[in-house]
Amino acid sequence: MATIILSSESQKDLNLILQLAKKLGISTKKLSKDEIEDIALSIAIRKGRTGEYVDTDTFLKKLDDAG
């Protein structure tokens, strides 16, 4: 199984792609805003994992200093 995510400012263009996918027998699903945010968060977590230990106090201090 392969998956793609398409995004466009044009609802008309997206509807055209959805119609084509249906004719080709490709299943489609529109994602909710929450689902999109969950995917983005998951990607950010995977990219941010280093496998290294991070001291909580040092991390929180850096966040406090940045704000």
Protein backbone atom coordinates (compact mmCIF):
# COMPACT_ATOMS: atom_id res chain seq x y z
CA MET A 1 0.00 0.00 0.00
CA ALA A 2 1.23 3.49 -0.83
CA THR A 3 -0.16 6.71 0.56
CA ILE A 4 0.05 10.32 -0.58
CA ILE A 5 -1.20 13.56 0.92
CA LEU A 6 -2.23 16.38 -1.39
CA SER A 7 -2.87 19.95 -0.38
CA SER A 8 -4.22 22.82 -2.45
CA GLU A 9 -5.77 26.22 -2.00
CA SER A 10 -8.22 25.28 -4.77
CA GLN A 11 -11.13 23.12 -3.65
CA LYS A 12 -12.07 22.77 -7.34
CA ASP A 13 -8.69 21.20 -8.16
CA LEU A 14 -8.88 18.84 -5.19
CA ASN A 15 -12.37 17.74 -6.21
CA LEU A 16 -11.06 16.99 -9.71
CA ILE A 17 -8.28 14.82 -8.27
CA LEU A 18 -10.79 13.05 -6.00
CA GLN A 19 -13.04 12.32 -9.01
CA LEU A 20 -10.11 10.93 -10.97
CA ALA A 21 -9.03 8.76 -8.04
CA LYS A 22 -12.57 7.37 -7.76
CA LYS A 23 -12.62 6.52 -11.49
CA LEU A 24 -9.27 4.75 -11.12
CA GLY A 25 -10.53 2.75 -8.13
CA ILE A 26 -8.25 4.50 -5.66
CA SER A 27 -9.69 4.96 -2.18
CA THR A 28 -9.59 8.47 -0.77
CA LYS A 29 -10.10 10.11 2.61
CA LYS A 30 -10.31 13.75 3.54
CA LEU A 31 -8.36 14.45 6.72
CA SER A 32 -9.76 16.58 9.53
CA LYS A 33 -7.74 19.43 10.99
CA ASP A 34 -7.07 17.30 14.09
CA GLU A 35 -5.80 14.39 11.97
CA ILE A 36 -3.45 16.72 10.06
CA GLU A 37 -2.11 18.14 13.33
CA ASP A 38 -1.60 14.61 14.70
CA ILE A 39 0.42 13.63 11.62
CA ALA A 40 2.54 16.79 11.83
CA LEU A 41 3.19 16.21 15.54
CA SER A 42 4.17 12.60 14.89
CA ILE A 43 6.66 13.68 12.21
CA ALA A 44 8.11 16.36 14.50
CA ILE A 45 8.54 13.84 17.32
CA ARG A 46 10.33 11.36 15.04
CA LYS A 47 12.65 14.07 13.70
CA GLY A 48 13.36 15.36 17.19
CA ARG A 49 14.32 12.01 18.70
CA THR A 50 18.05 11.76 19.20
CA GLY A 51 18.24 8.81 21.57
CA GLU A 52 20.20 10.98 23.99
CA TYR A 53 19.22 11.71 27.59
CA VAL A 54 18.08 15.29 28.15
CA ASP A 55 18.14 16.77 31.63
CA THR A 56 14.63 18.05 32.34
CA ASP A 57 15.73 21.04 34.43
CA THR A 58 18.23 22.22 31.80
CA PHE A 59 15.64 21.79 29.04
CA LEU A 60 12.98 23.75 30.95
CA LYS A 61 15.47 26.52 31.75
CA LYS A 62 16.35 26.84 28.04
CA LEU A 63 12.65 27.09 27.22
CA ASP A 64 12.15 29.73 29.91
CA ASP A 65 15.17 31.74 28.68
CA ALA A 66 13.90 31.60 25.08
CA GLY A 67 10.48 32.99 26.02
